[in-house]
Protein backbone atom coordinates (compact mmCIF):
# COMPACT_ATOMS: atom_id res chain seq x y z
CA MET A 1 18.47 -104.22 -59.39
CA TYR A 2 18.98 -100.66 -60.41
CA THR A 3 16.18 -98.58 -62.13
CA LEU A 4 16.43 -95.22 -63.65
CA GLY A 5 13.19 -93.08 -63.80
CA ILE A 6 13.21 -90.27 -66.10
CA ASN A 7 10.68 -87.29 -66.77
CA ALA A 8 11.10 -85.19 -69.63
CA ALA A 9 7.93 -85.03 -71.80
CA TYR A 10 6.54 -81.76 -70.65
CA HIS A 11 8.09 -79.69 -67.76
CA ASP A 12 10.00 -80.12 -64.33
CA CYS A 13 12.23 -82.88 -66.06
CA SER A 14 13.71 -84.96 -63.33
CA ALA A 15 15.42 -88.25 -62.47
CA CYS A 16 15.21 -90.83 -59.99
CA LEU A 17 17.34 -93.91 -59.13
CA VAL A 18 15.85 -96.91 -57.32
CA ARG A 19 17.71 -99.84 -56.03
CA ASP A 20 15.86 -103.03 -55.15
CA GLY A 21 12.84 -100.91 -53.93
CA VAL A 22 14.72 -98.15 -52.21
CA VAL A 23 15.05 -94.85 -53.76
CA LEU A 24 18.43 -93.84 -53.56
CA ALA A 25 18.34 -90.30 -55.33
CA ALA A 26 15.88 -88.03 -56.96
CA ALA A 27 16.36 -84.58 -58.35
CA GLU A 28 15.10 -82.02 -60.86
CA GLU A 29 17.14 -80.74 -63.55
CA GLU A 30 16.61 -77.26 -62.95
CA ARG A 31 18.72 -77.46 -59.81
CA PHE A 32 21.74 -78.10 -61.92
CA THR A 33 20.98 -76.06 -65.25
CA ARG A 34 19.52 -73.13 -63.21
CA ILE A 35 16.69 -72.86 -65.72
CA LYS A 36 13.47 -72.75 -64.00
CA HIS A 37 11.24 -75.95 -64.42
CA GLY A 38 14.11 -77.07 -66.56
CA LYS A 39 12.12 -76.01 -69.76
CA ARG A 40 8.82 -74.76 -70.96
CA PRO A 41 6.32 -77.59 -71.74
CA VAL A 42 6.15 -77.04 -75.53
CA PRO A 43 6.62 -79.91 -78.08
CA PHE A 44 10.07 -78.73 -79.61
CA THR A 45 11.75 -79.14 -76.24
CA THR A 46 10.64 -82.69 -75.65
CA TRP A 47 14.07 -84.04 -76.75
CA GLN A 48 15.99 -82.48 -73.95
CA LEU A 49 16.54 -85.30 -71.33
CA PRO A 50 17.66 -84.43 -67.63
CA TYR A 51 21.29 -85.37 -68.25
CA HIS A 52 22.58 -83.50 -65.14
CA ALA A 53 19.62 -85.03 -62.79
CA ILE A 54 20.51 -88.40 -64.30
CA ASP A 55 24.36 -88.00 -63.90
CA TYR A 56 23.61 -86.98 -60.31
CA CYS A 57 21.46 -90.04 -59.66
CA LEU A 58 24.11 -92.63 -61.03
CA LYS A 59 26.73 -90.62 -59.15
CA GLU A 60 24.70 -91.32 -55.94
CA GLY A 61 24.41 -94.97 -56.80
CA GLY A 62 28.01 -95.49 -57.56
CA ILE A 63 27.32 -96.80 -61.11
CA ALA A 64 27.30 -95.87 -64.64
CA LEU A 65 24.40 -95.83 -67.27
CA ARG A 66 25.52 -99.19 -68.72
CA GLU A 67 25.13 -100.78 -65.26
CA LEU A 68 21.36 -100.20 -65.13
CA GLU A 69 19.07 -102.99 -65.50
CA HIS A 70 15.85 -101.06 -66.35
CA VAL A 71 14.97 -97.41 -67.52
CA ALA A 72 11.39 -96.08 -66.95
CA TYR A 73 10.36 -93.11 -68.88
CA SER A 74 7.10 -91.56 -67.61
CA TYR A 75 5.15 -91.14 -70.88
CA ASP A 76 3.88 -93.89 -73.21
CA PRO A 77 3.79 -92.48 -76.71
CA SER A 78 1.80 -95.60 -77.91
CA LEU A 79 -1.24 -94.42 -76.49
CA LEU A 80 -1.33 -91.43 -78.83
CA LEU A 81 0.26 -92.92 -82.12
CA GLY A 82 -3.12 -94.82 -82.88
CA THR A 83 -2.78 -96.27 -86.21
CA HIS A 84 0.83 -95.00 -86.69
CA HIS A 85 2.03 -97.40 -83.87
CA GLY A 86 4.68 -99.62 -85.21
CA GLU A 87 5.30 -97.55 -88.28
CA THR A 88 8.90 -96.08 -89.07
CA ASN A 89 7.58 -93.02 -90.77
CA ILE A 90 5.44 -90.14 -89.96
CA THR A 91 4.52 -87.21 -91.50
CA LEU A 92 5.75 -83.92 -90.15
CA PRO A 93 4.26 -80.65 -91.24
CA LEU A 94 6.60 -77.91 -91.53
CA GLU A 95 4.29 -75.47 -89.99
CA PRO A 96 2.27 -77.75 -87.65
CA SER A 97 0.31 -74.98 -86.04
CA ALA A 98 -0.65 -73.67 -89.40
CA GLN A 99 -1.88 -77.04 -90.57
CA PRO A 100 -4.47 -78.37 -88.25
CA SER A 101 -5.11 -82.26 -88.53
CA ASN A 102 -8.14 -84.36 -87.29
CA GLU A 103 -5.81 -87.08 -87.06
CA TRP A 104 -4.06 -85.80 -83.82
CA LEU A 105 -5.04 -84.40 -80.73
CA SER A 106 -2.50 -81.47 -81.53
CA PRO A 107 -0.93 -80.75 -84.87
CA TRP A 108 2.40 -80.66 -82.82
CA ASP A 109 1.98 -84.34 -81.83
CA PRO A 110 4.18 -86.04 -84.63
CA LEU A 111 7.05 -83.94 -83.61
CA PHE A 112 6.24 -84.32 -79.78
CA LEU A 113 5.91 -88.09 -80.15
CA SER A 114 8.97 -88.44 -82.54
CA TYR A 115 11.16 -86.99 -79.74
CA ILE A 116 9.61 -89.22 -77.22
CA VAL A 117 10.02 -92.54 -79.39
CA ASN A 118 13.65 -91.62 -79.81
CA ALA A 119 14.43 -91.07 -76.19
CA PRO A 120 16.36 -94.18 -75.71
CA ARG A 121 18.90 -93.19 -78.43
CA GLN A 122 19.01 -89.78 -77.11
CA LEU A 123 19.90 -90.97 -73.92
CA ALA A 124 22.49 -93.28 -75.26
CA GLY A 125 24.24 -90.68 -77.45
CA GLY A 126 23.07 -87.13 -76.56
CA ALA A 127 24.81 -86.43 -73.08
CA PRO A 128 26.95 -83.07 -72.96
CA HIS A 129 30.51 -83.63 -73.21
CA HIS A 130 31.16 -82.76 -69.53
CA LEU A 131 29.06 -85.71 -68.20
CA LYS A 132 30.12 -88.21 -70.77
CA LYS A 133 31.91 -90.31 -68.13
CA ARG A 134 28.94 -91.90 -66.53
CA PHE A 135 27.29 -92.42 -70.22
CA GLN A 136 30.04 -94.11 -71.92
CA GLY A 137 29.82 -97.45 -73.40
CA VAL A 138 26.05 -97.41 -74.10
CA ARG A 139 24.57 -97.70 -77.77
CA HIS A 140 20.84 -97.38 -78.61
CA ASP A 141 20.56 -101.21 -78.19
CA ALA A 142 21.46 -100.73 -74.66
CA PRO A 143 22.16 -103.39 -71.94
CA TYR A 144 19.11 -102.00 -70.00
CA ALA A 145 15.58 -102.78 -70.61
CA TRP A 146 13.54 -99.43 -71.54
CA HIS A 147 10.06 -99.05 -70.26
CA PHE A 148 7.61 -96.24 -71.42
CA VAL A 149 5.15 -95.73 -68.48
CA GLU A 150 1.80 -94.35 -68.86
CA HIS A 151 1.99 -90.76 -67.38
CA HIS A 152 -0.89 -91.06 -65.11
CA LEU A 153 0.35 -94.28 -63.91
CA ALA A 154 3.73 -92.84 -62.95
CA HIS A 155 1.83 -90.15 -60.91
CA GLU A 156 -0.17 -92.76 -59.36
CA ALA A 157 2.75 -95.16 -58.45
CA SER A 158 4.51 -92.22 -57.07
CA ALA A 159 1.81 -91.78 -54.45
CA PHE A 160 0.68 -95.37 -53.69
CA LEU A 161 4.25 -96.81 -53.71
CA ALA A 162 5.59 -94.05 -51.29
CA ALA A 163 2.59 -93.40 -49.10
CA PRO A 164 2.55 -94.91 -45.48
CA PHE A 165 -0.26 -96.99 -46.26
CA ASP A 166 -0.80 -100.92 -47.33
CA GLU A 167 -4.22 -99.86 -48.77
CA CYS A 168 -5.36 -96.66 -50.21
CA ALA A 169 -7.68 -95.12 -52.77
CA VAL A 170 -5.55 -93.10 -55.39
CA LEU A 171 -6.55 -89.79 -57.15
CA THR A 172 -4.36 -87.96 -59.46
CA MET A 173 -5.21 -84.66 -61.34
CA ASP A 174 -2.97 -82.52 -63.68
CA GLY A 175 -3.14 -80.68 -66.86
CA ARG A 176 -2.81 -83.61 -69.04
CA GLY A 177 -0.81 -86.86 -69.60
CA GLU A 178 -0.99 -88.68 -72.85
CA ALA A 179 -5.10 -88.18 -72.98
CA ALA A 180 -5.93 -88.62 -69.30
CA THR A 181 -6.10 -85.62 -66.97
CA THR A 182 -7.66 -87.43 -63.76
CA SER A 183 -7.08 -90.95 -62.68
CA TYR A 184 -8.87 -92.93 -59.98
CA GLY A 185 -7.75 -96.42 -58.44
CA LEU A 186 -7.19 -98.66 -55.47
CA TYR A 187 -4.06 -100.09 -53.97
CA GLN A 188 -4.71 -103.10 -52.13
CA ASP A 189 -2.89 -106.39 -51.40
CA ARG A 190 0.24 -105.00 -53.24
CA ARG A 191 -1.85 -104.48 -56.37
CA TYR A 192 -3.02 -101.68 -58.13
CA ARG A 193 -6.43 -101.71 -59.79
CA ARG A 194 -7.39 -98.54 -62.09
CA ILE A 195 -10.99 -97.66 -61.50
CA GLY A 196 -11.41 -94.90 -64.18
CA GLN A 197 -9.88 -91.82 -65.81
CA VAL A 198 -11.10 -88.57 -67.28
CA ASN A 199 -9.61 -87.61 -70.70
CA LEU A 200 -9.13 -84.40 -72.69
CA PRO A 201 -10.48 -81.89 -73.19
CA HIS A 202 -12.02 -82.25 -69.83
CA SER A 203 -9.09 -81.10 -67.25
CA LEU A 204 -9.05 -79.33 -63.99
CA GLY A 205 -5.37 -78.51 -64.34
CA LEU A 206 -5.70 -77.04 -67.79
CA LEU A 207 -8.65 -74.91 -66.47
CA TYR A 208 -6.57 -73.53 -63.57
CA GLU A 209 -3.61 -73.11 -66.03
CA SER A 210 -5.95 -70.96 -68.51
CA ILE A 211 -7.18 -68.69 -65.53
CA THR A 212 -3.72 -68.17 -64.37
CA ASP A 213 -2.78 -67.10 -67.75
CA TYR A 214 -5.82 -64.91 -68.20
CA LEU A 215 -4.73 -63.15 -64.59
CA GLY A 216 -1.36 -62.06 -66.04
CA PHE A 217 0.82 -65.04 -64.66
CA LEU A 218 2.88 -67.74 -66.29
CA HIS A 219 0.84 -70.79 -66.82
CA SER A 220 2.40 -74.17 -65.93
CA SER A 221 4.39 -72.24 -63.43
CA ASP A 222 2.43 -69.69 -61.35
CA GLU A 223 -0.59 -71.52 -60.37
CA TYR A 224 0.39 -71.32 -56.85
CA LYS A 225 0.13 -67.53 -56.93
CA VAL A 226 -3.47 -67.74 -58.34
CA MET A 227 -4.11 -69.83 -55.05
CA ALA A 228 -2.63 -67.29 -52.65
CA LEU A 229 -4.38 -64.40 -54.39
CA ALA A 230 -7.79 -66.20 -53.92
CA SER A 231 -7.87 -65.74 -50.09
CA PHE A 232 -8.19 -61.81 -50.79
CA GLY A 233 -11.22 -62.28 -52.81
CA LYS A 234 -14.99 -63.43 -52.72
CA PRO A 235 -16.37 -66.23 -55.08
CA SER A 236 -18.74 -63.92 -56.94
CA TYR A 237 -17.96 -65.40 -60.20
CA ALA A 238 -18.56 -68.96 -59.05
CA PRO A 239 -21.87 -69.17 -60.71
CA GLN A 240 -20.36 -68.39 -64.12
CA LEU A 241 -17.43 -70.90 -63.36
CA ARG A 242 -20.25 -73.63 -62.39
CA ASP A 243 -21.38 -73.43 -66.01
CA VAL A 244 -18.00 -74.23 -67.15
CA VAL A 245 -16.97 -76.90 -64.82
CA ARG A 246 -19.22 -79.47 -63.72
CA TYR A 247 -19.24 -82.88 -61.87
CA ALA A 248 -21.13 -85.32 -63.95
CA GLY A 249 -21.33 -88.11 -61.64
CA ASP A 250 -19.56 -91.45 -61.54
CA GLY A 251 -16.27 -89.79 -61.30
CA ALA A 252 -16.65 -87.83 -64.57
CA VAL A 253 -15.87 -84.00 -64.79
CA GLN A 254 -16.74 -81.91 -67.64
CA VAL A 255 -14.74 -78.58 -68.54
CA HIS A 256 -16.31 -76.84 -71.44
CA PRO A 257 -14.66 -74.14 -73.35
CA ALA A 258 -14.90 -70.76 -72.16
CA ASP A 259 -13.96 -67.08 -73.30
CA TRP A 260 -12.58 -65.45 -70.19
CA GLU A 261 -12.84 -62.11 -71.47
CA ALA A 262 -16.61 -62.51 -72.32
CA LEU A 263 -17.25 -63.75 -68.92
CA PHE A 264 -14.99 -61.64 -66.63
CA GLY A 265 -13.95 -58.63 -68.67
CA PRO A 266 -10.41 -57.51 -70.01
CA ARG A 267 -7.51 -59.87 -69.07
CA ARG A 268 -5.12 -58.57 -66.62
CA GLU A 269 -1.59 -57.71 -68.23
CA ARG A 270 1.57 -58.91 -66.36
CA GLY A 271 2.67 -56.32 -63.95
CA ALA A 272 -0.56 -54.47 -63.81
CA GLU A 273 -2.31 -53.72 -60.51
CA PHE A 274 -4.73 -56.12 -58.94
CA THR A 275 -8.33 -55.15 -58.55
CA GLN A 276 -11.17 -56.71 -56.54
CA ARG A 277 -12.15 -58.39 -59.82
CA HIS A 278 -8.95 -60.19 -60.13
CA TRP A 279 -9.08 -61.29 -56.53
CA ASP A 280 -12.74 -62.48 -56.83
CA ILE A 281 -12.07 -64.48 -60.05
CA ALA A 282 -9.20 -66.18 -58.25
CA SER A 283 -11.44 -67.03 -55.32
CA SER A 284 -14.07 -68.26 -57.48
CA LEU A 285 -11.94 -70.59 -59.32
CA GLN A 286 -10.37 -71.85 -56.03
CA VAL A 287 -13.77 -72.49 -54.44
CA VAL A 288 -15.31 -74.30 -57.82
CA LEU A 289 -12.13 -76.47 -57.83
CA GLU A 290 -12.68 -77.49 -54.08
CA GLU A 291 -16.35 -78.20 -54.70
CA THR A 292 -15.59 -80.31 -57.80
CA VAL A 293 -12.89 -82.24 -56.17
CA LEU A 294 -14.83 -82.95 -52.90
CA GLN A 295 -17.52 -84.55 -55.19
CA MET A 296 -14.79 -86.63 -56.98
CA VAL A 297 -13.41 -87.88 -53.43
CA ASP A 298 -16.94 -88.67 -52.40
CA TRP A 299 -17.36 -90.89 -55.33
CA LEU A 300 -14.18 -92.50 -55.07
CA HIS A 301 -14.54 -93.44 -51.44
CA ALA A 302 -18.04 -95.03 -52.37
CA GLN A 303 -16.21 -96.94 -55.00
CA THR A 304 -13.33 -98.22 -52.66
CA GLY A 305 -14.53 -98.16 -49.42
CA ALA A 306 -10.96 -97.38 -48.34
CA GLU A 307 -10.07 -95.28 -45.38
CA ASN A 308 -6.74 -93.87 -47.03
CA LEU A 309 -6.43 -91.43 -49.72
CA CYS A 310 -3.36 -90.63 -51.56
CA MET A 311 -3.05 -87.83 -54.15
CA ALA A 312 -0.58 -86.73 -56.79
CA GLY A 313 -0.59 -84.80 -60.03
CA GLY A 314 0.08 -81.09 -60.17
CA VAL A 315 -3.43 -80.32 -58.97
CA ALA A 316 -2.38 -81.89 -55.90
CA LEU A 317 0.05 -79.16 -55.04
CA ASN A 318 -3.11 -76.90 -54.31
CA CYS A 319 -2.44 -76.96 -50.43
CA VAL A 320 -5.81 -75.10 -49.73
CA MET A 321 -7.99 -77.73 -51.72
CA ASN A 322 -6.07 -80.67 -50.08
CA ALA A 323 -7.12 -79.25 -46.90
CA LYS A 324 -10.60 -78.96 -47.71
CA VAL A 325 -10.19 -82.90 -48.85
CA ARG A 326 -8.68 -83.63 -45.71
CA ASP A 327 -11.21 -81.87 -43.61
CA GLN A 328 -14.43 -82.39 -45.45
CA GLY A 329 -13.93 -85.49 -47.52
CA PRO A 330 -14.85 -89.01 -46.34
CA PHE A 331 -11.54 -90.32 -45.87
CA LYS A 332 -9.53 -90.65 -42.67
CA ARG A 333 -6.04 -90.13 -43.77
CA VAL A 334 -4.84 -88.29 -46.84
CA TRP A 335 -1.27 -88.40 -47.97
CA VAL A 336 -0.09 -86.00 -50.92
CA GLN A 337 3.10 -86.73 -52.67
CA PRO A 338 5.44 -84.00 -52.13
CA ALA A 339 6.77 -83.85 -55.61
CA ALA A 340 3.24 -84.08 -56.80
CA GLY A 341 3.88 -82.22 -60.18
CA ASP A 342 5.69 -83.92 -63.08
CA ALA A 343 9.05 -84.14 -61.44
CA GLY A 344 7.42 -87.03 -59.30
CA THR A 345 6.78 -89.06 -62.30
CA ALA A 346 10.39 -90.03 -62.45
CA LEU A 347 10.09 -91.36 -58.98
CA GLY A 348 6.79 -93.15 -59.77
CA ALA A 349 7.91 -94.65 -62.87
CA ALA A 350 11.00 -96.03 -61.42
CA LEU A 351 9.25 -97.59 -58.42
CA TRP A 352 6.43 -98.93 -60.65
CA ILE A 353 8.81 -100.88 -63.01
CA ASP A 354 11.03 -101.87 -60.02
CA SER A 355 7.93 -103.45 -58.32
CA LEU A 356 6.79 -105.11 -61.57
CA GLN A 357 10.25 -106.64 -62.17
CA ARG A 358 10.91 -107.66 -58.71
CA ASN A 359 7.58 -109.15 -58.24
CA ALA A 360 8.44 -107.92 -54.74
CA GLY A 361 6.22 -108.76 -51.62
CA LYS A 362 6.33 -106.14 -48.73
CA ARG A 363 7.41 -102.65 -49.73
CA ALA A 364 11.14 -101.92 -49.04
CA TRP A 365 10.51 -98.01 -48.66
CA GLN A 366 8.21 -95.17 -47.86
CA MET A 367 8.75 -91.57 -48.44
CA ASP A 368 9.20 -90.25 -44.92
CA HIS A 369 11.04 -87.05 -46.07
CA ALA A 370 12.18 -85.53 -49.36
CA PHE A 371 15.94 -85.00 -48.85
CA LEU A 372 17.07 -87.17 -51.91
CA GLY A 373 19.23 -84.57 -53.61
CA PRO A 374 22.95 -83.77 -53.54
CA ALA A 375 24.76 -83.06 -50.55
CA TYR A 376 28.14 -81.10 -49.91
CA ASP A 377 30.68 -81.83 -46.89
CA ASP A 378 32.50 -79.28 -45.12
CA GLY A 379 35.60 -79.85 -46.91
CA GLU A 380 34.04 -78.72 -50.25
CA ILE A 381 32.29 -75.75 -48.61
CA GLU A 382 35.44 -74.48 -46.91
CA GLN A 383 37.28 -74.88 -50.19
CA PHE A 384 34.80 -72.71 -52.06
CA LEU A 385 34.47 -70.23 -49.26
CA ARG A 386 38.23 -69.59 -49.41
CA GLN A 387 38.19 -69.27 -53.37
CA CYS A 388 35.64 -66.58 -52.92
CA LYS A 389 37.82 -64.73 -50.44
CA LEU A 390 34.92 -64.25 -47.87
CA ARG A 391 35.31 -63.99 -44.32
CA TYR A 392 33.58 -66.86 -42.53
CA ARG A 393 33.71 -68.72 -39.32
CA ARG A 394 33.16 -72.30 -38.18
CA ALA A 395 30.42 -72.43 -35.71
CA GLY A 396 30.91 -74.05 -32.38
CA ASN A 397 27.19 -74.77 -32.00
CA LEU A 398 25.54 -74.05 -35.37
CA SER A 399 21.90 -74.16 -34.00
CA ALA A 400 22.65 -71.95 -31.08
CA GLU A 401 24.51 -69.36 -33.10
CA VAL A 402 22.15 -69.27 -35.67
CA ALA A 403 19.15 -69.05 -33.28
CA ASP A 404 20.82 -65.90 -31.76
CA LEU A 405 20.90 -64.30 -35.30
CA LEU A 406 17.30 -65.26 -35.85
CA MET A 407 16.51 -63.38 -32.31
CA GLN A 408 18.27 -60.31 -33.98
CA ASP A 409 15.55 -60.32 -36.63
CA LYS A 410 18.23 -61.33 -39.17
CA VAL A 411 17.27 -63.20 -42.34
CA ILE A 412 19.41 -66.33 -42.88
CA GLY A 413 20.16 -68.45 -45.69
CA TRP A 414 20.16 -72.13 -44.71
CA PHE A 415 22.34 -74.72 -46.74
CA GLN A 416 22.47 -78.19 -44.99
CA GLY A 417 22.71 -81.86 -46.02
CA ARG A 418 20.91 -83.27 -49.06
CA MET A 419 18.72 -80.99 -51.25
CA GLU A 420 14.98 -81.64 -51.18
CA PHE A 421 13.17 -83.28 -54.10
CA GLY A 422 10.01 -81.47 -55.22
CA PRO A 423 9.11 -77.75 -55.46
CA ARG A 424 9.16 -77.03 -51.78
CA ALA A 425 12.08 -76.04 -49.59
CA LEU A 426 11.98 -78.03 -46.50
CA GLY A 427 15.15 -77.25 -44.48
CA ALA A 428 17.89 -78.19 -46.92
CA ARG A 429 17.95 -75.27 -49.09
CA SER A 430 15.65 -72.54 -47.15
CA ILE A 431 15.76 -68.96 -46.03
CA LEU A 432 14.72 -68.80 -42.46
CA ALA A 433 13.43 -65.86 -40.27
CA SER A 434 11.74 -65.19 -36.97
CA PRO A 435 7.86 -64.97 -37.28
CA LEU A 436 7.44 -62.77 -34.33
CA ASP A 437 7.10 -59.42 -36.08
CA ALA A 438 4.48 -59.13 -38.76
CA SER A 439 6.46 -57.00 -41.12
CA MET A 440 8.76 -59.89 -41.67
CA GLN A 441 6.64 -61.43 -44.33
CA GLN A 442 6.76 -58.13 -46.26
CA ARG A 443 10.48 -57.83 -45.82
CA LEU A 444 11.03 -61.42 -47.25
CA ASN A 445 8.96 -60.63 -50.35
CA GLN A 446 11.16 -57.67 -50.94
CA ILE A 447 14.16 -59.74 -50.44
CA LYS A 448 13.07 -62.37 -52.90
CA ASP A 449 11.44 -59.92 -55.37
CA ARG A 450 8.08 -61.65 -54.69
CA GLU A 451 4.60 -60.14 -55.14
CA ASP A 452 3.63 -58.47 -51.87
CA PHE A 453 0.41 -60.44 -51.50
CA ARG A 454 2.17 -63.75 -51.33
CA PRO A 455 2.45 -65.51 -47.65
CA VAL A 456 5.36 -67.02 -46.16
CA ALA A 457 5.06 -70.53 -44.55
CA PRO A 458 6.22 -71.72 -40.94
CA VAL A 459 8.07 -74.71 -39.97
CA VAL A 460 7.18 -76.12 -36.42
CA LEU A 461 8.46 -78.82 -34.21
CA GLU A 462 6.28 -81.84 -35.02
CA GLU A 463 5.62 -82.29 -31.19
CA GLU A 464 4.33 -78.78 -30.93
CA ALA A 465 2.29 -78.73 -34.12
CA ALA A 466 -1.06 -79.23 -32.42
CA ASN A 467 -0.42 -76.38 -29.80
CA TRP A 468 -0.06 -73.67 -32.55
CA PHE A 469 -2.29 -74.70 -35.29
CA VAL A 470 -5.76 -76.04 -35.23
CA ASN A 471 -5.94 -79.94 -35.35
CA GLY A 472 -2.13 -79.48 -36.31
CA GLY A 473 -0.79 -82.96 -37.39
CA VAL A 474 2.27 -84.55 -39.03
CA SER A 475 2.70 -82.80 -42.11
CA PRO A 476 6.52 -82.85 -43.32
CA PHE A 477 5.92 -81.65 -46.97
CA MET A 478 3.90 -78.44 -46.84
CA VAL A 479 1.20 -79.88 -48.77
CA PHE A 480 -1.81 -78.73 -46.38
CA VAL A 481 -2.96 -75.64 -44.78
CA TYR A 482 -3.94 -75.24 -41.13
CA ASP A 483 -5.62 -72.55 -39.21
CA VAL A 484 -3.45 -70.59 -36.75
CA ARG A 485 -4.86 -71.06 -33.41
CA PRO A 486 -6.46 -67.99 -32.01
CA ASP A 487 -4.45 -67.62 -29.12
CA LYS A 488 -1.24 -67.81 -31.22
CA VAL A 489 -2.26 -65.34 -33.65
CA ASP A 490 -0.38 -62.61 -32.13
CA ARG A 491 2.65 -64.57 -31.41
CA ILE A 492 3.39 -65.78 -35.05
CA PRO A 493 1.80 -62.84 -37.18
CA ALA A 494 4.28 -63.17 -39.93
CA VAL A 495 3.20 -66.64 -41.14
CA ARG A 496 -0.68 -66.35 -40.98
CA HIS A 497 -2.19 -65.71 -44.35
CA VAL A 498 -5.10 -63.06 -44.77
CA ASP A 499 -7.59 -65.89 -44.40
CA GLY A 500 -6.10 -67.22 -41.22
CA THR A 501 -4.29 -70.23 -42.39
CA ALA A 502 -0.73 -71.31 -42.65
CA ARG A 503 0.92 -73.86 -44.98
CA ILE A 504 2.88 -75.73 -42.25
CA GLN A 505 5.65 -78.14 -42.34
CA THR A 506 6.42 -80.14 -39.29
CA ILE A 507 9.71 -81.54 -38.62
CA ASN A 508 11.27 -84.31 -36.24
CA ARG A 509 14.82 -84.84 -35.46
CA ALA A 510 15.01 -88.24 -37.28
CA GLN A 511 14.20 -86.38 -40.66
CA ASN A 512 16.64 -83.47 -40.36
CA ALA A 513 18.68 -83.13 -37.14
CA PRO A 514 20.38 -79.67 -37.74
CA TYR A 515 17.14 -78.04 -38.79
CA TYR A 516 15.22 -79.56 -35.67
CA ASP A 517 17.73 -78.63 -33.36
CA LEU A 518 17.78 -75.00 -34.97
CA LEU A 519 14.10 -74.90 -34.26
CA ARG A 520 14.51 -76.12 -30.59
CA ALA A 521 17.16 -73.60 -29.92
CA PHE A 522 14.95 -70.60 -31.16
CA ALA A 523 12.23 -71.90 -29.10
CA GLU A 524 14.20 -71.86 -25.85
CA ARG A 525 15.01 -68.03 -26.60
CA SER A 526 11.79 -67.03 -27.84
CA GLY A 527 9.10 -69.44 -26.43
CA VAL A 528 7.98 -69.98 -30.02
CA PRO A 529 8.70 -73.42 -31.76
CA VAL A 530 7.99 -71.75 -35.08
CA LEU A 531 10.26 -70.33 -37.86
CA ILE A 532 9.42 -68.88 -41.18
CA ASN A 533 10.87 -71.20 -44.14
CA THR A 534 10.72 -70.13 -47.56
CA SER A 535 12.78 -71.40 -50.46
CA PHE A 536 16.45 -70.32 -50.88
CA ASN A 537 15.95 -68.45 -54.33
CA THR A 538 14.75 -65.33 -55.78
CA ARG A 539 12.03 -64.84 -58.27
CA GLY A 540 12.40 -66.75 -61.51
CA GLU A 541 15.25 -68.69 -60.01
CA PRO A 542 15.46 -72.27 -59.12
CA VAL A 543 16.07 -73.26 -55.42
CA VAL A 544 19.79 -73.29 -54.84
CA CYS A 545 21.69 -76.59 -55.16
CA THR A 546 25.31 -76.22 -54.84
CA PRO A 547 27.71 -73.93 -52.52
CA ARG A 548 28.32 -71.72 -55.58
CA ASP A 549 24.61 -71.17 -56.09
CA ALA A 550 24.20 -70.42 -52.33
CA LEU A 551 26.84 -67.70 -52.30
CA GLU A 552 25.67 -66.13 -55.32
CA SER A 553 22.33 -65.78 -54.06
CA PHE A 554 23.54 -64.66 -50.62
CA CYS A 555 25.75 -61.96 -52.15
CA THR A 556 23.32 -60.78 -54.41
CA THR A 557 20.27 -60.39 -52.09
CA PRO A 558 19.83 -58.37 -48.81
CA LEU A 559 20.13 -61.78 -46.71
CA ASP A 560 21.87 -61.04 -43.48
CA ALA A 561 23.79 -64.11 -43.05
CA LEU A 562 24.58 -67.72 -44.37
CA ALA A 563 24.68 -70.78 -42.59
CA ILE A 564 26.32 -73.33 -44.91
CA GLY A 565 27.46 -76.66 -43.42
CA SER A 566 29.34 -75.96 -40.23
CA PHE A 567 30.21 -72.26 -41.42
CA ILE A 568 28.54 -68.99 -40.86
CA VAL A 569 28.98 -66.07 -43.31
CA GLU A 570 27.60 -62.53 -42.00
CA LYS A 571 27.33 -59.27 -43.98
CA THR A 572 28.71 -56.25 -42.10
């Protein structure tokens, strides 16, 4: 049984294909269209479906659209249609924002919901011409069953149906779904029970977005930059923020309207210098978020008695907060969906509908790695290298030769195997460098045209993690930070953030053999089983997907070499 999952309502549009409980493929649309996040989360882009990602998933499954049994869309418009549910007509103002209405949460909802209701027809008839082959033979009354899945349920399922737990409490937090912004639940005996929800206007995700915008960054995109900025400040504005954000008990969170300029002073304009005030505002936001979420998980633990917690939703991409939940929260084990943002809802919706339709017993799959995207073999790669008329060589021993380059402080584009699903580069589409010299962090930020305050992350051999990071455990998805061990600080200064932490990725050979072998080869030469791993892209660009993307990024940046498949390209 094939089930296609689709996320398209807001941003990070994506697709996922599940066959009999096993995820075959998952990818974000941005990787194919080269438009960051696929689109902006505005109502008049909701009609755009992730056709390229869907086409890829169908190709990976060896099927056409008409051969699907089920399609799961990670948003349920019926939850917002209210009295209009079942009607065939709806009033659409010509200028929605100029005509606010008490009938809808947003004046844009009629347009927004119309697009979602018509998604089945759009999928059947709206595919771009060059992708028609796998979309042919389908009408709006398609042979597959269509399912609208509540947005937060899709987030929750992406966690509890992927995590390595048979039983776990579930917490999801994001900007908003239909109306919910936070959900609590318990997965037990192969059943999921919702315990509670927090609804609009109370949203930790929208709070973080709002201050991201106030600090001069792009909301719904740059929140991770605010998290990095927070380490440079002190929480001197936390008292003001605690008046805005309050944990009300019983899982309830209250976020009250606030005028940031009245509270904090003039907003920062994009490109302006950072001052101590900006650092302190970011720090205060981070601290209050952590305090609030710790209270929420305490309540969830008391309600469920579970030993394990799994998390999803965009807020769960805050790896500093996740570490506080791991270290100071009541749960013994915490697992975070690596595609915790909206992209992951395609995976969650597909897994949820698959599990309902098959009424399956034991789960057939868990998410041990995120390598679910396209791969390119050496024949395809070499053909493109020849077309580009670039000098290249086939490596006799790829890991040894790239390790030698890294020992020369060269920065390497690394393009191997299937692309990662989710926002993190995890060793398939990465830029790699030596962590031995502190100046490498600044050099990488210059190469990628990133803000100079942003840290770079380390990858470490799984068996060595505890020797280099305090309580370092298995962490394959870069969703937690760990303190660098004091006796190792001087050996890997490039990956240590100003607060003493590093957002680590651990790797074992079963997850990605070429990547693991490279780390082993570097460790043999340097005595350090750690490399810098950052995403293979520059600011404003999605992570590279194809050999063409990799070559374009390599040729237009100061990267020293590119390891692509079995081949190495070096600049002279």
